[in-house]
Structure formats: structure tokens, C-alpha cells
Protein backbone atom coordinates (compact mmCIF):
# COMPACT_ATOMS: atom_id res chain seq x y z
CA MET A 1 99.53 24.37 -22.97
CA ALA A 2 97.64 22.16 -25.43
CA GLU A 3 95.46 19.21 -24.47
CA ARG A 4 97.65 16.25 -23.74
CA TYR A 5 95.11 13.47 -24.09
CA LYS A 6 92.03 13.41 -26.27
CA VAL A 7 89.27 10.82 -26.13
CA VAL A 8 89.18 9.06 -29.47
CA THR A 9 85.61 8.22 -30.44
CA ASN A 10 84.42 5.98 -33.25
CA SER A 11 83.60 9.05 -35.39
CA ILE A 12 87.23 10.24 -35.11
CA ARG A 13 88.46 6.76 -35.98
CA ASN A 14 86.19 6.72 -39.05
CA LEU A 15 87.60 10.11 -40.12
CA ILE A 16 91.13 8.72 -39.81
CA ILE A 17 90.24 5.78 -42.07
CA GLU A 18 88.58 8.10 -44.64
CA HIS A 19 91.72 10.29 -44.77
CA LEU A 20 93.84 7.14 -45.08
CA LYS A 21 91.77 6.01 -48.09
CA ASP A 22 92.31 9.45 -49.64
CA GLY A 23 96.06 8.71 -49.49
CA LYS A 24 97.14 11.18 -46.80
CA SER A 25 100.13 10.51 -44.53
CA ILE A 26 99.87 9.57 -40.87
CA ARG A 27 101.20 12.92 -39.61
CA THR A 28 98.87 14.89 -41.94
CA ILE A 29 95.86 12.88 -40.73
CA GLY A 30 96.91 13.54 -37.12
CA LYS A 31 97.00 17.31 -37.76
CA LEU A 32 93.63 17.27 -39.58
CA VAL A 33 91.85 15.23 -36.92
CA LYS A 34 93.81 16.87 -34.06
CA VAL A 35 95.14 13.70 -32.47
CA SER A 36 98.70 12.44 -32.12
CA HIS A 37 100.32 10.55 -34.98
CA SER A 38 100.77 7.51 -32.70
CA THR A 39 96.98 7.39 -32.20
CA VAL A 40 96.49 7.58 -35.95
CA PHE A 41 99.05 4.80 -36.45
CA ALA A 42 97.35 2.57 -33.83
CA THR A 43 93.93 3.15 -35.41
CA ILE A 44 95.23 2.28 -38.90
CA LYS A 45 96.97 -0.81 -37.56
CA ARG A 46 93.75 -1.99 -35.88
CA TYR A 47 91.78 -1.32 -39.07
CA LYS A 48 94.21 -3.37 -41.17
CA LEU A 49 94.17 -6.30 -38.71
CA CYS A 50 90.47 -6.42 -37.77
CA ARG A 51 88.79 -4.53 -40.64
CA THR A 52 87.00 -2.41 -38.04
CA VAL A 53 87.80 0.62 -35.89
CA LYS A 54 85.33 -0.13 -33.09
CA ASN A 55 86.60 -1.34 -29.72
CA ALA A 56 86.54 -5.10 -29.40
CA LEU A 57 84.17 -6.60 -26.88
CA LYS A 58 85.92 -7.64 -23.71
CA SER A 59 85.83 -11.33 -22.95
CA VAL A 60 84.02 -12.17 -19.74
CA ALA A 61 85.44 -14.76 -17.40
CA PRO A 62 83.15 -17.74 -16.81
CA LEU A 63 81.11 -17.62 -13.63
CA LYS A 64 82.70 -19.47 -10.72
CA LEU A 65 79.30 -20.30 -9.26
CA THR A 66 76.90 -21.86 -11.74
CA PRO A 67 73.17 -21.07 -11.45
CA ARG A 68 72.75 -24.29 -9.47
CA TYR A 69 75.39 -23.29 -6.90
CA ARG A 70 73.94 -19.78 -6.74
CA SER A 71 70.52 -21.26 -6.02
CA ILE A 72 71.94 -23.51 -3.30
CA THR A 73 73.73 -20.52 -1.76
CA MET A 74 70.55 -18.44 -1.66
CA HIS A 75 68.54 -21.37 -0.27
CA LYS A 76 71.01 -21.64 2.62
CA ILE A 77 70.87 -17.87 3.25
CA LYS A 78 67.05 -17.85 3.27
CA LYS A 79 67.06 -20.82 5.64
CA ASN A 80 69.67 -19.31 8.00
CA PRO A 81 70.25 -15.58 7.42
CA ARG A 82 72.94 -15.45 10.12
CA LEU A 83 75.25 -17.71 8.10
CA SER A 84 78.47 -15.87 7.25
CA ALA A 85 79.99 -15.84 3.77
CA VAL A 86 83.14 -17.53 5.09
CA LYS A 87 81.18 -20.44 6.59
CA LEU A 88 79.11 -20.71 3.42
CA THR A 89 82.31 -20.82 1.34
CA THR A 90 83.80 -23.66 3.39
CA GLU A 91 80.50 -25.53 3.19
CA LEU A 92 80.46 -25.21 -0.61
CA GLN A 93 84.08 -26.38 -0.78
CA LYS A 94 83.38 -29.45 1.37
CA ARG A 95 80.13 -30.41 -0.32
CA PHE A 96 80.89 -29.67 -3.99
CA THR A 97 84.72 -29.43 -4.00
CA ILE A 98 84.75 -26.03 -5.72
CA LYS A 99 87.22 -23.40 -4.61
CA VAL A 100 85.44 -20.08 -4.13
CA ASN A 101 86.49 -16.84 -2.50
CA PRO A 102 84.16 -15.53 0.28
CA GLU A 103 83.90 -12.23 -1.64
CA THR A 104 82.44 -14.16 -4.60
CA VAL A 105 79.77 -15.59 -2.29
CA ARG A 106 79.05 -12.10 -0.92
CA ARG A 107 78.72 -10.77 -4.48
CA VAL A 108 76.20 -13.52 -5.31
CA ILE A 109 74.16 -12.78 -2.19
CA ARG A 110 74.19 -9.04 -2.95
CA SER A 111 73.05 -9.72 -6.53
CA TYR A 112 69.79 -11.01 -5.02
CA ARG A 113 69.40 -7.65 -3.20
CA TYR A 114 70.41 -9.05 0.21
CA ASN A 115 72.71 -6.97 2.39
CA SER A 116 74.55 -7.75 5.59
CA ARG A 117 73.02 -5.80 8.44
CA VAL A 118 73.35 -5.80 12.21
CA VAL A 119 70.55 -7.80 13.80
CA ARG A 120 67.77 -5.87 15.49
CA ARG A 121 67.49 -6.88 19.11
CA ILE A 122 64.03 -7.46 20.47
CA PHE A 123 63.28 -8.31 24.08
CA PHE A 124 62.71 -12.00 24.55
CA VAL A 125 59.32 -12.65 26.11
CA ASN A 126 57.83 -16.11 25.68
CA GLU A 127 54.11 -16.78 26.14
CA ARG A 128 54.39 -17.95 29.75
CA THR A 129 56.46 -14.91 30.79
CA SER A 130 54.12 -12.60 28.90
CA LYS A 131 51.11 -13.97 30.79
CA LEU A 132 52.91 -13.67 34.15
CA ARG A 133 53.86 -10.04 33.42
CA LEU A 134 50.30 -9.18 32.43
CA ASP A 135 48.91 -10.77 35.61
CA PHE A 136 51.47 -8.87 37.73
CA ALA A 137 50.63 -5.58 36.02
CA LYS A 138 46.89 -6.12 36.55
CA SER A 139 47.44 -6.93 40.25
CA MET A 140 49.55 -3.77 40.76
CA VAL A 141 47.26 -1.32 38.95
CA ASP A 142 45.19 -0.42 42.00
CA LYS A 143 48.05 -0.35 44.56
CA ASP A 144 48.77 2.78 46.53
CA LYS A 145 51.68 5.10 45.74
CA SER A 146 53.16 4.53 49.20
CA LEU A 147 53.86 0.89 48.23
CA TRP A 148 56.22 1.99 45.44
CA GLU A 149 58.01 4.41 47.78
CA SER A 150 58.95 1.48 50.04
CA VAL A 151 60.36 -0.67 47.21
CA ILE A 152 64.17 -0.94 47.15
CA PHE A 153 65.96 -1.53 43.85
CA VAL A 154 69.24 -3.43 44.15
CA ASP A 155 72.34 -3.02 42.01
CA GLU A 156 72.88 -6.18 39.96
CA SER A 157 75.92 -7.71 38.34
CA LYS A 158 75.84 -8.61 34.67
CA PHE A 159 76.47 -12.16 33.47
CA ASN A 160 75.97 -13.33 29.90
CA ILE A 161 73.87 -16.47 29.99
CA PHE A 162 71.73 -15.62 26.97
CA GLY A 163 74.14 -15.11 24.04
CA SER A 164 77.01 -12.70 23.62
CA ASP A 165 77.44 -8.94 23.48
CA GLY A 166 79.22 -9.20 20.13
CA ARG A 167 77.87 -7.71 16.95
CA ILE A 168 75.76 -10.27 15.09
CA THR A 169 74.90 -9.71 11.44
CA VAL A 170 72.18 -11.14 9.24
CA TRP A 171 71.67 -11.25 5.46
CA ARG A 172 68.36 -9.59 4.62
CA LYS A 173 66.58 -7.52 2.01
CA PRO A 174 65.61 -3.88 2.66
CA ASN A 175 62.61 -3.40 4.97
CA GLU A 176 62.77 -6.96 6.33
CA GLU A 177 64.40 -6.08 9.65
CA LEU A 178 61.33 -7.08 11.70
CA ASN A 179 60.99 -10.54 10.14
CA PRO A 180 61.31 -13.05 13.03
CA LYS A 181 64.26 -14.77 11.29
CA ASN A 182 66.12 -11.44 11.27
CA LEU A 183 65.60 -10.62 14.95
CA LEU A 184 67.74 -11.55 17.91
CA PRO A 185 65.88 -12.23 21.14
CA ALA A 186 67.58 -10.42 24.00
CA VAL A 187 67.05 -10.10 27.73
CA LYS A 188 68.05 -7.30 30.03
CA HIS A 189 71.59 -7.39 31.42
CA GLY A 190 72.55 -10.39 29.28
CA GLY A 191 70.14 -12.81 31.00
């Protein structure tokens, strides 16, 4: 079975036009160049209309977000990396009355090499708690092993006072996961 489709390059199109100028028929040109006569016809038609055989450049739709809006979007993301694209879209619509799809906002953010990632959780220890823990550890260093054998650990119930268990994402660049803005302070058992 012969090839059904053949990629027509600019060199093949130029050959078609040369054969056309020599006065050959469409079917003869198709057999010489080894493409279908409909392809030859389409190439000749394009040449007669546009005076060229090259593919026309595709028109590009105008950007929905101008450089100013893109800059404002990135400023908001840098200020609050946990801001979702949907919230950012509604904020842009309210403030500037432009209708934008959340996927457009995501595309803009990704163009600046930011990606949506799950937040790294780091245990929340403020300065006062840190000092108290250090003092406790220092006081317990020299205690006897028998003390720890008499300690009873109690089963505790879990209540979320300090945030939720849900998955929280943040917009960040690669290798910025330990930036304090990109971390979520967490406590054991939900606080």
C-alpha cells in the first residue's frame, strides 16, 4: 500500500511552481513530485493568490493581561504566595473590570517560573517556647533512667485549633521551599 499522506515542504512547493511555469498539467506535476493532484492544485491556487508558496504566519490573539496587569498579578503572588488563581482572578475583575479565566492567570504565573506546590510543614516553635524547651532539656539531662521508667504517657484526642488538615498550596519557584513565606507552621496533633 502506498503512502497516503506526504508532508509537503517548501522545496516540494517550489518544484511544483517550477513545473507549472514549464507548462505541465496538474496531474503530471503530481506524478513527477509524487504528491496528489489536489495538493498540487492547492499549492498553485495559493501561489496565484499570494505570490508565495510559504505558509502564512498565524495571527496571534492579543494578550488578555497587559504587562501592567501581569506585573500586578506577580506582585500579589510575591506578597502572598498562598493566594489561589481563582481568588486572584476575582480580585482582578473587581479592581480593573477585566474578565479573565483563572487558567490565564495560572499561565501568567507559570511564565515567571512559579509553580503551585504543597506547602512544607515546619513545627511551630516561637522564641518563648524554644527557650522553655531548651531549659527543660538542660534540667533533664542529668536525671536518672528510673525517672523515665515511672513516666506515664496518656492517649490524647486530636482537635484542630491551629489551622486545618487540608492540603494547602503555595506559588513558588524551584528550590524556594524553605523560604519562610512558603512554610506552614504546624503543631503536633493539630494544636
